Amino acid sequence: MREMVKRIVLVIFVLLVLTAISGFFYMQKNPLDGKSSVNKASILSGNHAK
């Protein structure tokens, strides 16, 4: 039982890491609006550049 729980947690962790890595590379290839990374960081933090 304990081994099965460890395996399930490990699989979920690996899937989360793979999702984060693929999302990172996707955002590198397809930025949100084509602006520089400074503007993207300010948009993500909620401070819209005008």
C-alpha atoms as a PDB file:
ATOM      1  CA  MET A   1       0.000   0.000   0.000  1.00  0.00           C
ATOM      2  CA  ARG A   2       2.756   2.429   0.962  1.00  0.00           C
ATOM      3  CA  GLU A   3       4.740   1.604  -2.183  1.00  0.00           C
ATOM      4  CA  MET A   4       1.691   2.257  -4.333  1.00  0.00           C
ATOM      5  CA  VAL A   5       1.181   5.699  -2.760  1.00  0.00           C
ATOM      6  CA  LYS A   6       4.862   6.529  -3.318  1.00  0.00           C
ATOM      7  CA  ARG A   7       4.586   5.471  -6.953  1.00  0.00           C
ATOM      8  CA  ILE A   8       1.423   7.541  -7.521  1.00  0.00           C
ATOM      9  CA  VAL A   9       3.039  10.635  -5.960  1.00  0.00           C
ATOM     10  CA  LEU A  10       6.164  10.112  -8.078  1.00  0.00           C
ATOM     11  CA  VAL A  11       4.140   9.801 -11.294  1.00  0.00           C
ATOM     12  CA  ILE A  12       2.160  12.960 -10.494  1.00  0.00           C
ATOM     13  CA  PHE A  13       5.385  14.847  -9.736  1.00  0.00           C
ATOM     14  CA  VAL A  14       7.007  13.724 -13.006  1.00  0.00           C
ATOM     15  CA  LEU A  15       3.904  14.757 -14.972  1.00  0.00           C
ATOM     16  CA  LEU A  16       3.921  18.192 -13.334  1.00  0.00           C
ATOM     17  CA  VAL A  17       7.617  18.673 -14.134  1.00  0.00           C
ATOM     18  CA  LEU A  18       7.128  17.628 -17.753  1.00  0.00           C
ATOM     19  CA  THR A  19       4.138  19.975 -18.070  1.00  0.00           C
ATOM     20  CA  ALA A  20       6.152  22.862 -16.636  1.00  0.00           C
ATOM     21  CA  ILE A  21       9.101  22.203 -18.969  1.00  0.00           C
ATOM     22  CA  SER A  22       6.914  21.886 -22.064  1.00  0.00           C
ATOM     23  CA  GLY A  23       4.993  25.019 -21.101  1.00  0.00           C
ATOM     24  CA  PHE A  24       8.236  26.921 -20.639  1.00  0.00           C
ATOM     25  CA  PHE A  25       9.501  25.943 -24.080  1.00  0.00           C
ATOM     26  CA  TYR A  26       6.111  26.704 -25.628  1.00  0.00           C
ATOM     27  CA  MET A  27       6.149  30.207 -24.147  1.00  0.00           C
ATOM     28  CA  GLN A  28       9.692  30.710 -25.423  1.00  0.00           C
ATOM     29  CA  LYS A  29       8.553  29.821 -28.940  1.00  0.00           C
ATOM     30  CA  ASN A  30       5.145  31.562 -28.755  1.00  0.00           C
ATOM     31  CA  PRO A  31       5.244  34.648 -26.528  1.00  0.00           C
ATOM     32  CA  LEU A  32       1.967  36.133 -25.322  1.00  0.00           C
ATOM     33  CA  ASP A  33       2.010  39.289 -27.426  1.00  0.00           C
ATOM     34  CA  GLY A  34       5.421  39.496 -29.062  1.00  0.00           C
ATOM     35  CA  LYS A  35       6.765  42.093 -26.633  1.00  0.00           C
ATOM     36  CA  SER A  36      10.053  41.907 -24.778  1.00  0.00           C
ATOM     37  CA  SER A  37      10.493  39.730 -21.721  1.00  0.00           C
ATOM     38  CA  VAL A  38      10.460  42.830 -19.478  1.00  0.00           C
ATOM     39  CA  ASN A  39       6.984  43.746 -20.689  1.00  0.00           C
ATOM     40  CA  LYS A  40       5.810  40.135 -20.355  1.00  0.00           C
ATOM     41  CA  ALA A  41       7.027  40.044 -16.753  1.00  0.00           C
ATOM     42  CA  SER A  42       5.200  43.263 -15.939  1.00  0.00           C
ATOM     43  CA  ILE A  43       2.006  41.962 -17.551  1.00  0.00           C
ATOM     44  CA  LEU A  44       2.238  38.714 -15.575  1.00  0.00           C
ATOM     45  CA  SER A  45       2.726  40.668 -12.325  1.00  0.00           C
ATOM     46  CA  GLY A  46      -0.355  42.773 -13.097  1.00  0.00           C
ATOM     47  CA  ASN A  47       1.391  46.055 -13.940  1.00  0.00           C
ATOM     48  CA  HIS A  48       0.356  46.876 -17.490  1.00  0.00           C
ATOM     49  CA  ALA A  49       2.886  48.894 -19.434  1.00  0.00           C
ATOM     50  CA  LYS A  50       1.349  51.859 -21.239  1.00  0.00           C
END
